[in-house]
């Protein structure tokens, strides 16, 4: 009988504890719901007050006046900037190469921008450079310089002689990824091009190239036929 009494007592305690837990859970949920809906109720009340009282009340603009948005990106693929070149004569003119967004130009130090490469063969850009001896000559190496799973590839080397108004392809069509273009400051006819080449396939244009004659004769220099690693 004593053992049975103890068992009944423990069962009673457990039932009492479960009831208290159930009450506490319901109370907690009620508090959470009240806390979540109270701000919105307050906003709705302020909006209704503004609508009923006219200009003297709180308007919707007033309620949300303190809410500001700020940029936390890049959230898009084209947000990755691959290279920047500044006009050596007009310092307010810049050229920006986007890894997956073409070439952009500003003539007012970044206040406004215009796309200047949309009509050509590649949206992916690895580098852009302005000739230090002639600021109207702009070189663009297509194919971003990134070895990663999600990557855009290019279709060669381009050159502009009118400040980016138009471009002509001058070679290295099988390069896919051009990392750098360097121009000899003593002689604009000497241009060096560093080419990564195809990422997932053998062959292609890869290595270090030297250009004699304004993009008309691009020849391979170091390991241009080297197989990929």
Protein backbone atom coordinates (compact mmCIF):
# COMPACT_ATOMS: atom_id res chain seq x y z
CA UNK A 1 0.00 0.00 0.00
CA UNK A 2 2.88 2.33 0.88
CA UNK A 3 4.55 1.69 -2.49
CA UNK A 4 1.29 2.30 -4.31
CA UNK A 5 0.79 5.56 -2.47
CA UNK A 6 4.27 6.74 -3.43
CA UNK A 7 3.66 5.83 -7.10
CA UNK A 8 0.35 7.71 -7.13
CA UNK A 9 2.08 10.71 -5.56
CA UNK A 10 4.78 10.76 -8.25
CA UNK A 11 2.18 10.48 -11.00
CA UNK A 12 0.29 13.36 -9.47
CA UNK A 13 3.47 15.48 -9.38
CA UNK A 14 4.23 14.67 -13.01
CA UNK A 15 0.72 15.64 -14.13
CA UNK A 16 1.00 18.89 -12.18
CA UNK A 17 4.36 19.68 -13.82
CA UNK A 18 2.99 18.94 -17.30
CA UNK A 19 0.03 21.24 -16.70
CA UNK A 20 2.37 24.04 -15.59
CA UNK A 21 4.55 23.52 -18.68
CA UNK A 22 1.50 23.66 -20.92
CA UNK A 23 0.33 26.89 -19.31
CA UNK A 24 3.83 28.38 -19.61
CA UNK A 25 4.02 27.42 -23.30
CA UNK A 26 0.67 29.01 -24.07
CA UNK A 27 1.66 32.15 -22.19
CA UNK A 28 4.97 32.35 -24.08
CA UNK A 29 3.27 32.02 -27.45
CA UNK A 30 0.79 34.70 -26.50
CA UNK A 31 3.64 37.06 -25.55
CA UNK A 32 5.46 36.41 -28.83
CA UNK A 33 2.35 37.03 -30.89
CA UNK A 34 1.62 40.20 -28.97
CA UNK A 35 5.19 41.48 -29.42
CA UNK A 36 5.15 40.74 -33.17
CA UNK A 37 1.80 42.34 -33.88
CA UNK A 38 2.09 45.34 -31.57
CA UNK A 39 4.46 47.39 -33.79
CA UNK A 40 2.26 46.83 -36.83
CA UNK A 41 -0.83 47.76 -34.81
CA UNK A 42 0.92 50.92 -33.77
CA UNK A 43 1.87 51.77 -37.36
CA UNK A 44 -1.69 51.14 -38.55
CA UNK A 45 -3.05 53.33 -35.76
CA UNK A 46 -0.65 56.12 -36.73
CA UNK A 47 -1.63 55.81 -40.40
CA UNK A 48 -5.34 55.88 -39.50
CA UNK A 49 -4.73 58.89 -37.29
CA UNK A 50 -2.95 60.67 -40.12
CA UNK A 51 -5.72 59.87 -42.58
CA UNK A 52 -8.40 61.16 -40.23
CA UNK A 53 -6.62 64.27 -38.99
CA UNK A 54 -5.35 65.44 -42.39
CA UNK A 55 -2.11 67.40 -42.61
CA UNK A 56 -1.76 67.63 -38.85
CA UNK A 57 -1.55 63.85 -38.32
CA UNK A 58 1.24 61.37 -38.90
CA UNK A 59 1.44 60.48 -42.62
CA UNK A 60 2.77 57.25 -44.09
CA UNK A 61 5.89 59.12 -45.20
CA UNK A 62 6.43 60.28 -41.64
CA UNK A 63 6.08 56.76 -40.26
CA UNK A 64 8.73 55.34 -42.61
CA UNK A 65 10.95 58.44 -42.75
CA UNK A 66 13.56 56.81 -40.54
CA UNK A 67 13.81 53.66 -42.66
CA UNK A 68 16.89 53.77 -44.91
CA UNK A 69 18.30 51.28 -47.41
CA UNK A 70 21.98 50.61 -47.90
CA UNK A 71 24.01 48.54 -50.37
CA UNK A 72 25.27 45.20 -49.01
CA UNK A 73 26.32 43.65 -52.36
CA UNK A 74 27.62 42.72 -54.74
CA UNK A 75 24.55 40.54 -55.09
CA UNK A 76 24.91 40.05 -58.85
CA UNK A 77 27.60 38.35 -60.90
CA UNK A 78 28.28 41.54 -62.83
CA UNK A 79 29.10 43.32 -59.59
CA UNK A 80 32.64 41.92 -59.66
CA UNK A 81 35.05 44.58 -60.95
CA UNK A 82 38.06 43.05 -62.69
CA UNK A 83 40.11 46.09 -63.67
CA UNK A 84 40.12 49.90 -63.74
CA UNK A 85 41.99 52.23 -66.11
CA UNK A 86 42.23 56.02 -65.83
CA UNK A 87 42.78 58.30 -68.80
CA UNK A 88 46.32 59.73 -68.37
CA UNK A 89 45.25 63.06 -69.91
CA UNK A 90 41.64 63.48 -68.75
CA UNK A 91 41.72 62.19 -65.20
CA UNK A 92 37.94 62.34 -64.86
CA UNK A 93 37.62 59.65 -67.55
CA UNK A 94 37.76 56.09 -66.25
CA UNK A 95 37.22 52.67 -67.78
CA UNK A 96 35.99 49.77 -65.66
CA UNK A 97 36.08 46.09 -66.65
CA UNK A 98 33.35 43.98 -65.07
CA UNK A 99 34.04 40.27 -64.77
CA UNK A 100 30.56 39.45 -66.07
CA UNK A 101 29.25 42.83 -67.16
CA UNK A 102 31.25 44.31 -70.05
CA UNK A 103 33.22 47.57 -70.09
CA UNK A 104 31.91 50.81 -68.57
CA UNK A 105 33.11 54.37 -69.09
CA UNK A 106 32.65 57.56 -67.09
CA UNK A 107 33.76 61.03 -68.10
CA UNK A 108 32.80 62.75 -64.84
CA UNK A 109 34.74 60.82 -62.20
CA UNK A 110 32.03 58.21 -61.67
CA UNK A 111 28.92 60.38 -61.45
CA UNK A 112 27.40 58.68 -64.49
CA UNK A 113 28.43 55.55 -66.42
CA UNK A 114 27.87 54.24 -69.95
CA UNK A 115 28.38 50.69 -71.28
CA UNK A 116 30.74 50.73 -74.27
CA UNK A 117 31.26 47.03 -75.04
CA UNK A 118 27.74 45.61 -75.28
CA UNK A 119 27.83 45.05 -79.05
CA UNK A 120 30.92 42.84 -79.10
CA UNK A 121 31.68 39.17 -78.69
CA UNK A 122 32.09 38.78 -74.94
CA UNK A 123 30.34 40.02 -71.82
CA UNK A 124 33.18 38.75 -69.60
CA UNK A 125 36.15 41.11 -69.28
CA UNK A 126 39.54 40.35 -67.77
CA UNK A 127 41.38 43.67 -68.11
CA UNK A 128 41.29 47.14 -69.63
CA UNK A 129 44.19 49.55 -70.17
CA UNK A 130 44.68 53.00 -71.69
CA UNK A 131 47.80 53.65 -73.75
CA UNK A 132 50.01 56.07 -71.77
CA UNK A 133 51.29 57.50 -75.08
CA UNK A 134 47.86 58.00 -76.66
CA UNK A 135 44.88 58.33 -74.35
CA UNK A 136 42.42 57.53 -77.14
CA UNK A 137 43.82 54.01 -77.50
CA UNK A 138 42.09 51.52 -75.19
CA UNK A 139 42.89 47.80 -75.00
CA UNK A 140 40.40 45.25 -73.66
CA UNK A 141 41.27 41.67 -72.80
CA UNK A 142 38.15 39.53 -72.67
CA UNK A 143 37.53 36.61 -70.31
CA UNK A 144 37.71 37.24 -66.58
CA UNK A 145 40.93 36.37 -64.78
CA UNK A 146 39.36 33.98 -62.26
CA UNK A 147 39.84 30.22 -61.97
CA UNK A 148 36.58 29.16 -60.38
CA UNK A 149 33.51 27.04 -61.00
CA UNK A 150 31.29 29.91 -62.13
CA UNK A 151 33.36 31.82 -64.68
CA UNK A 152 32.77 33.72 -67.92
CA UNK A 153 35.11 33.31 -70.89
CA UNK A 154 36.13 35.68 -73.65
CA UNK A 155 36.80 35.64 -77.38
CA UNK A 156 40.08 37.50 -77.71
CA UNK A 157 41.88 40.82 -77.52
CA UNK A 158 40.21 44.07 -78.57
CA UNK A 159 41.52 47.55 -79.31
CA UNK A 160 39.91 50.99 -79.66
CA UNK A 161 41.57 54.02 -81.25
CA UNK A 162 38.73 56.46 -80.53
CA UNK A 163 38.43 56.40 -76.75
CA UNK A 164 36.11 53.41 -76.58
CA UNK A 165 33.58 54.62 -79.17
CA UNK A 166 34.33 51.47 -81.21
CA UNK A 167 36.50 48.37 -80.89
CA UNK A 168 38.22 45.95 -83.25
CA UNK A 169 39.31 42.41 -82.45
CA UNK A 170 43.06 42.08 -82.98
CA UNK A 171 43.77 38.45 -82.13
CA UNK A 172 44.06 35.71 -79.50
CA UNK A 173 40.59 34.40 -80.29
CA UNK A 174 41.28 31.12 -78.44
CA UNK A 175 42.58 32.75 -75.25
CA UNK A 176 39.29 32.63 -73.28
CA UNK A 177 40.93 34.38 -70.26
CA UNK A 178 43.24 37.38 -70.67
CA UNK A 179 44.75 38.47 -67.37
CA UNK A 180 46.82 41.54 -68.22
CA UNK A 181 47.82 43.94 -71.00
CA UNK A 182 50.93 46.08 -70.54
CA UNK A 183 52.06 48.83 -72.95
CA UNK A 184 55.67 49.96 -73.17
CA UNK A 185 55.58 53.66 -72.15
CA UNK A 186 58.53 54.31 -74.47
CA UNK A 187 56.91 52.74 -77.53
CA UNK A 188 53.16 52.28 -77.89
CA UNK A 189 53.75 49.71 -80.63
CA UNK A 190 55.14 47.24 -78.05
CA UNK A 191 52.35 45.57 -76.11
CA UNK A 192 52.63 42.54 -73.82
CA UNK A 193 49.62 40.32 -73.16
CA UNK A 194 49.42 37.72 -70.35
CA UNK A 195 46.97 34.97 -71.30
CA UNK A 196 45.71 32.29 -68.95
CA UNK A 197 44.05 30.28 -71.66
CA UNK A 198 41.16 27.79 -71.41
CA UNK A 199 40.55 26.55 -67.87
CA UNK A 200 39.11 23.10 -68.58
CA UNK A 201 40.56 22.18 -71.98
CA UNK A 202 44.06 21.75 -73.44
CA UNK A 203 45.46 23.95 -76.17
CA UNK A 204 44.17 27.38 -77.02
CA UNK A 205 46.13 30.63 -76.76
CA UNK A 206 48.02 30.70 -73.47
CA UNK A 207 51.22 32.19 -72.12
CA UNK A 208 52.94 35.55 -72.68
CA UNK A 209 52.48 37.35 -75.98
CA UNK A 210 54.17 40.35 -77.53
CA UNK A 211 52.48 42.65 -80.04
CA UNK A 212 54.51 44.46 -82.72
CA UNK A 213 52.45 47.00 -84.56
CA UNK A 214 49.20 48.14 -83.01
CA UNK A 215 47.40 44.85 -82.72
CA UNK A 216 48.08 43.56 -86.21
CA UNK A 217 50.77 41.01 -85.41
CA UNK A 218 50.36 39.26 -82.07
CA UNK A 219 52.93 36.50 -81.58
CA UNK A 220 53.40 34.05 -78.75
CA UNK A 221 56.41 34.35 -76.49
CA UNK A 222 56.59 32.18 -73.38
CA UNK A 223 54.97 28.75 -73.35
CA UNK A 224 52.07 29.63 -75.61
CA UNK A 225 51.63 25.95 -76.52
CA UNK A 226 52.08 24.67 -72.96
CA UNK A 227 49.51 22.12 -71.87
CA UNK A 228 47.27 23.06 -68.92
CA UNK A 229 48.33 22.14 -65.42
